[in-house]
Amino acid sequence: MRTGSIPLAAFVRAVLAVELGDLTPASRLIEGAESRFGPVRPAEALDGGG
């Protein structure tokens, strides 16, 4: 695992919360990742669109 990555337990909690319809933990992970690594690219930038 690379240095500075998101802890596995936090990721799993966020994924389970999304499955249950609660987006708050996932939003916190995104905010934390953006503050550490920069903006998260939108999905259309990943698949060549936009």
PDB file of N, CA and C in Angstrom:
ATOM      1  N   MET A   1       0.846  -1.172   0.000  1.00  0.00           N
ATOM      2  CA  MET A   1       0.000   0.000   0.000  1.00  0.00           C
ATOM      3  C   MET A   1       0.890   1.233   0.000  1.00  0.00           C
ATOM      4  N   ARG A   2       0.524   2.236  -0.785  1.00  0.00           N
ATOM      5  CA  ARG A   2       1.372   3.415  -0.866  1.00  0.00           C
ATOM      6  C   ARG A   2       1.167   4.343   0.327  1.00  0.00           C
ATOM      7  N   THR A   3       2.148   5.139   0.602  1.00  0.00           N
ATOM      8  CA  THR A   3       2.095   6.076   1.721  1.00  0.00           C
ATOM      9  C   THR A   3       1.048   7.147   1.458  1.00  0.00           C
ATOM     10  N   GLY A   4       0.276   7.486   2.473  1.00  0.00           N
ATOM     11  CA  GLY A   4      -0.721   8.540   2.345  1.00  0.00           C
ATOM     12  C   GLY A   4      -2.035   8.088   1.741  1.00  0.00           C
ATOM     13  N   SER A   5      -2.215   6.798   1.572  1.00  0.00           N
ATOM     14  CA  SER A   5      -3.474   6.320   1.006  1.00  0.00           C
ATOM     15  C   SER A   5      -4.563   6.284   2.076  1.00  0.00           C
ATOM     16  N   ILE A   6      -5.772   6.128   1.655  1.00  0.00           N
ATOM     17  CA  ILE A   6      -6.919   6.064   2.558  1.00  0.00           C
ATOM     18  C   ILE A   6      -6.887   4.733   3.303  1.00  0.00           C
ATOM     19  N   PRO A   7      -7.099   4.757   4.613  1.00  0.00           N
ATOM     20  CA  PRO A   7      -7.116   3.484   5.361  1.00  0.00           C
ATOM     21  C   PRO A   7      -8.212   2.552   4.819  1.00  0.00           C
ATOM     22  N   LEU A   8      -7.894   1.281   4.724  1.00  0.00           N
ATOM     23  CA  LEU A   8      -8.831   0.302   4.176  1.00  0.00           C
ATOM     24  C   LEU A   8     -10.153   0.294   4.944  1.00  0.00           C
ATOM     25  N   ALA A   9     -10.102   0.360   6.266  1.00  0.00           N
ATOM     26  CA  ALA A   9     -11.332   0.333   7.067  1.00  0.00           C
ATOM     27  C   ALA A   9     -12.234   1.520   6.734  1.00  0.00           C
ATOM     28  N   ALA A  10     -11.657   2.702   6.537  1.00  0.00           N
ATOM     29  CA  ALA A  10     -12.453   3.889   6.193  1.00  0.00           C
ATOM     30  C   ALA A  10     -13.099   3.713   4.821  1.00  0.00           C
ATOM     31  N   PHE A  11     -12.358   3.141   3.874  1.00  0.00           N
ATOM     32  CA  PHE A  11     -12.900   2.903   2.541  1.00  0.00           C
ATOM     33  C   PHE A  11     -14.066   1.918   2.585  1.00  0.00           C
ATOM     34  N   VAL A  12     -13.903   0.840   3.320  1.00  0.00           N
ATOM     35  CA  VAL A  12     -14.951  -0.178   3.415  1.00  0.00           C
ATOM     36  C   VAL A  12     -16.200   0.408   4.072  1.00  0.00           C
ATOM     37  N   ARG A  13     -16.027   1.184   5.136  1.00  0.00           N
ATOM     38  CA  ARG A  13     -17.184   1.822   5.783  1.00  0.00           C
ATOM     39  C   ARG A  13     -17.917   2.731   4.814  1.00  0.00           C
ATOM     40  N   ALA A  14     -17.165   3.502   4.016  1.00  0.00           N
ATOM     41  CA  ALA A  14     -17.787   4.408   3.057  1.00  0.00           C
ATOM     42  C   ALA A  14     -18.551   3.633   1.982  1.00  0.00           C
ATOM     43  N   VAL A  15     -17.968   2.552   1.483  1.00  0.00           N
ATOM     44  CA  VAL A  15     -18.643   1.739   0.454  1.00  0.00           C
ATOM     45  C   VAL A  15     -19.930   1.141   1.008  1.00  0.00           C
ATOM     46  N   LEU A  16     -19.872   0.606   2.210  1.00  0.00           N
ATOM     47  CA  LEU A  16     -21.084   0.032   2.814  1.00  0.00           C
ATOM     48  C   LEU A  16     -22.147   1.100   3.051  1.00  0.00           C
ATOM     49  N   ALA A  17     -21.728   2.275   3.470  1.00  0.00           N
ATOM     50  CA  ALA A  17     -22.684   3.355   3.698  1.00  0.00           C
ATOM     51  C   ALA A  17     -23.364   3.763   2.396  1.00  0.00           C
ATOM     52  N   VAL A  18     -22.603   3.832   1.303  1.00  0.00           N
ATOM     53  CA  VAL A  18     -23.192   4.174   0.002  1.00  0.00           C
ATOM     54  C   VAL A  18     -24.220   3.116  -0.390  1.00  0.00           C
ATOM     55  N   GLU A  19     -23.892   1.855  -0.182  1.00  0.00           N
ATOM     56  CA  GLU A  19     -24.838   0.779  -0.492  1.00  0.00           C
ATOM     57  C   GLU A  19     -26.129   0.923   0.305  1.00  0.00           C
ATOM     58  N   LEU A  20     -26.034   1.467   1.515  1.00  0.00           N
ATOM     59  CA  LEU A  20     -27.213   1.655   2.356  1.00  0.00           C
ATOM     60  C   LEU A  20     -27.889   3.006   2.123  1.00  0.00           C
ATOM     61  N   GLY A  21     -27.347   3.818   1.221  1.00  0.00           N
ATOM     62  CA  GLY A  21     -27.968   5.086   0.864  1.00  0.00           C
ATOM     63  C   GLY A  21     -27.475   6.289   1.651  1.00  0.00           C
ATOM     64  N   ASP A  22     -26.419   6.147   2.441  1.00  0.00           N
ATOM     65  CA  ASP A  22     -25.874   7.254   3.216  1.00  0.00           C
ATOM     66  C   ASP A  22     -24.578   7.705   2.561  1.00  0.00           C
ATOM     67  N   LEU A  23     -24.579   8.886   1.941  1.00  0.00           N
ATOM     68  CA  LEU A  23     -23.408   9.356   1.209  1.00  0.00           C
ATOM     69  C   LEU A  23     -22.435  10.164   2.061  1.00  0.00           C
ATOM     70  N   THR A  24     -22.749  10.398   3.329  1.00  0.00           N
ATOM     71  CA  THR A  24     -21.897  11.228   4.186  1.00  0.00           C
ATOM     72  C   THR A  24     -20.473  10.684   4.318  1.00  0.00           C
ATOM     73  N   PRO A  25     -20.260   9.391   4.659  1.00  0.00           N
ATOM     74  CA  PRO A  25     -18.876   8.900   4.772  1.00  0.00           C
ATOM     75  C   PRO A  25     -18.101   9.001   3.453  1.00  0.00           C
ATOM     76  N   ALA A  26     -18.762   8.744   2.340  1.00  0.00           N
ATOM     77  CA  ALA A  26     -18.089   8.841   1.043  1.00  0.00           C
ATOM     78  C   ALA A  26     -17.701  10.286   0.758  1.00  0.00           C
ATOM     79  N   SER A  27     -18.575  11.212   1.111  1.00  0.00           N
ATOM     80  CA  SER A  27     -18.266  12.633   0.919  1.00  0.00           C
ATOM     81  C   SER A  27     -17.060  13.044   1.749  1.00  0.00           C
ATOM     82  N   ARG A  28     -16.985  12.532   2.976  1.00  0.00           N
ATOM     83  CA  ARG A  28     -15.825  12.835   3.833  1.00  0.00           C
ATOM     84  C   ARG A  28     -14.538  12.283   3.231  1.00  0.00           C
ATOM     85  N   LEU A  29     -14.600  11.072   2.679  1.00  0.00           N
ATOM     86  CA  LEU A  29     -13.411  10.492   2.046  1.00  0.00           C
ATOM     87  C   LEU A  29     -12.953  11.334   0.853  1.00  0.00           C
ATOM     88  N   ILE A  30     -13.901  11.785   0.049  1.00  0.00           N
ATOM     89  CA  ILE A  30     -13.559  12.611  -1.115  1.00  0.00           C
ATOM     90  C   ILE A  30     -12.948  13.929  -0.668  1.00  0.00           C
ATOM     91  N   GLU A  31     -13.546  14.564   0.331  1.00  0.00           N
ATOM     92  CA  GLU A  31     -13.007  15.837   0.838  1.00  0.00           C
ATOM     93  C   GLU A  31     -11.591  15.642   1.380  1.00  0.00           C
ATOM     94  N   GLY A  32     -11.382  14.567   2.126  1.00  0.00           N
ATOM     95  CA  GLY A  32     -10.056  14.287   2.664  1.00  0.00           C
ATOM     96  C   GLY A  32      -9.039  14.012   1.572  1.00  0.00           C
ATOM     97  N   ALA A  33      -9.456  13.249   0.569  1.00  0.00           N
ATOM     98  CA  ALA A  33      -8.555  12.931  -0.541  1.00  0.00           C
ATOM     99  C   ALA A  33      -8.205  14.187  -1.330  1.00  0.00           C
ATOM    100  N   GLU A  34      -9.194  15.050  -1.566  1.00  0.00           N
ATOM    101  CA  GLU A  34      -8.930  16.283  -2.301  1.00  0.00           C
ATOM    102  C   GLU A  34      -8.006  17.217  -1.525  1.00  0.00           C
ATOM    103  N   SER A  35      -8.148  17.252  -0.209  1.00  0.00           N
ATOM    104  CA  SER A  35      -7.276  18.128   0.566  1.00  0.00           C
ATOM    105  C   SER A  35      -5.839  17.611   0.582  1.00  0.00           C
ATOM    106  N   ARG A  36      -5.660  16.294   0.453  1.00  0.00           N
ATOM    107  CA  ARG A  36      -4.313  15.713   0.479  1.00  0.00           C
ATOM    108  C   ARG A  36      -3.682  15.606  -0.901  1.00  0.00           C
ATOM    109  N   PHE A  37      -4.479  15.258  -1.917  1.00  0.00           N
ATOM    110  CA  PHE A  37      -3.921  14.910  -3.221  1.00  0.00           C
ATOM    111  C   PHE A  37      -4.367  15.804  -4.365  1.00  0.00           C
ATOM    112  N   GLY A  38      -5.283  16.750  -4.117  1.00  0.00           N
ATOM    113  CA  GLY A  38      -5.797  17.606  -5.174  1.00  0.00           C
ATOM    114  C   GLY A  38      -7.184  17.172  -5.599  1.00  0.00           C
ATOM    115  N   PRO A  39      -7.776  17.907  -6.540  1.00  0.00           N
ATOM    116  CA  PRO A  39      -9.155  17.616  -6.953  1.00  0.00           C
ATOM    117  C   PRO A  39      -9.333  16.234  -7.555  1.00  0.00           C
ATOM    118  N   VAL A  40     -10.482  15.646  -7.271  1.00  0.00           N
ATOM    119  CA  VAL A  40     -10.855  14.357  -7.849  1.00  0.00           C
ATOM    120  C   VAL A  40     -11.460  14.640  -9.220  1.00  0.00           C
ATOM    121  N   ARG A  41     -10.987  13.901 -10.220  1.00  0.00           N
ATOM    122  CA  ARG A  41     -11.493  14.113 -11.574  1.00  0.00           C
ATOM    123  C   ARG A  41     -12.920  13.588 -11.709  1.00  0.00           C
ATOM    124  N   PRO A  42     -13.762  14.305 -12.465  1.00  0.00           N
ATOM    125  CA  PRO A  42     -15.122  13.777 -12.709  1.00  0.00           C
ATOM    126  C   PRO A  42     -15.059  12.499 -13.537  1.00  0.00           C
ATOM    127  N   ALA A  43     -16.081  11.665 -13.417  1.00  0.00           N
ATOM    128  CA  ALA A  43     -16.111  10.363 -14.087  1.00  0.00           C
ATOM    129  C   ALA A  43     -15.935  10.485 -15.604  1.00  0.00           C
ATOM    130  N   GLU A  44     -16.526  11.499 -16.225  1.00  0.00           N
ATOM    131  CA  GLU A  44     -16.415  11.612 -17.681  1.00  0.00           C
ATOM    132  C   GLU A  44     -14.972  11.885 -18.123  1.00  0.00           C
ATOM    133  N   ALA A  45     -14.138  12.458 -17.251  1.00  0.00           N
ATOM    134  CA  ALA A  45     -12.733  12.669 -17.591  1.00  0.00           C
ATOM    135  C   ALA A  45     -11.972  11.345 -17.586  1.00  0.00           C
ATOM    136  N   LEU A  46     -12.439  10.380 -16.830  1.00  0.00           N
ATOM    137  CA  LEU A  46     -11.774   9.078 -16.747  1.00  0.00           C
ATOM    138  C   LEU A  46     -12.030   8.216 -17.971  1.00  0.00           C
ATOM    139  N   ASP A  47     -13.227   8.339 -18.566  1.00  0.00           N
ATOM    140  CA  ASP A  47     -13.556   7.476 -19.702  1.00  0.00           C
ATOM    141  C   ASP A  47     -13.400   8.174 -21.058  1.00  0.00           C
ATOM    142  N   GLY A  48     -12.729   9.321 -21.073  1.00  0.00           N
ATOM    143  CA  GLY A  48     -12.440  10.001 -22.329  1.00  0.00           C
ATOM    144  C   GLY A  48     -13.485  11.014 -22.757  1.00  0.00           C
ATOM    145  N   GLY A  49     -14.612  11.087 -22.075  1.00  0.00           N
ATOM    146  CA  GLY A  49     -15.619  12.069 -22.428  1.00  0.00           C
ATOM    147  C   GLY A  49     -15.283  13.413 -21.795  1.00  0.00           C
ATOM    148  N   GLY A  50     -15.878  14.505 -22.309  1.00  0.00           N
ATOM    149  CA  GLY A  50     -15.710  15.820 -21.694  1.00  0.00           C
ATOM    150  C   GLY A  50     -14.400  16.351 -21.879  1.00  0.00           C
TER     151      GLY A  50
END
